[in-house]
Every structure is written in C-alpha cells, then in structure tokens.
C-alpha cells in the first residue's frame, strides 16, 4: 500500500512540475500554457540575448509582439490556432525569420533561436582603374 501511495505521489509531483514549466510565470494563472515560448541566445557565446524584439505574423499581418527578458526568454499567449511566421530582431544582429510555425489549440510550441552578430566591414580607400590607355 505504501508503495502505491509513493508511486501516486511521485506521478502527481511530476505532472505538476511539467504543467508549471509550460505556464506563463507571474500571471497568476498557473494552468494556462504558453502558445509559443522559447529562448534566444548568441550563436557564438551561447549567452542569452535580452531585448530581442519578436513579432508573430499570421497571413502577413502583425498579430502580436514580445520582447525577450534578461535571460533571453519570450512567450506568446492567446494566439489563435494556425500557421505563424516569427521574426526576431535586435540591433547589431542579423534578423532571423522562422516560417511555418504551427500552433494548435491543445498544445504549445517551444522555439529556441540562435542569433549571429552583423559583420562590420572596414572600408578602405582604394583606386579604381577604369580607363588606361597605352
């Protein structure tokens, strides 16, 4: 009997942990899942990127906007089921676009992104050789 109670208790704890991991922290509704959630990191250093602007588009129309927190996390709630395009932008980094992100009404989507820094070009004065006659 004790083994059954212990097993039931562990199963309940694991279920509660999974449900809590898929919720929006701090909104007071611990049973609501995020429709899309994830993290954004620097492609080379693997450190989280804060203040990344994330826009969700449906049928080329802006649906919602989110910004990553200091840990690089973002989330969207209350999205209608359908196919979305997500665009990730931050100054100094290359824009990342993810097409065909599917949202179903009964489950969430985890989407983690790596962003690369924009390469800066050093402009050097040069000569242009166009018209040379002998």
Foldseek 3Di string as FASTA:
>chain_A
DVVVVVVVVVVVVVVLVVQQVQPDPPPPPSRFGFQEKEFEAAPPVRAGDWQKKKFKDDPNHTDDIWTAHPRRMTTHHDDDFDWIKMWIDDPQWDIDIDGGDTTDPPDHYYDYYHIYGDDDDDDDDDDDDDDDDD
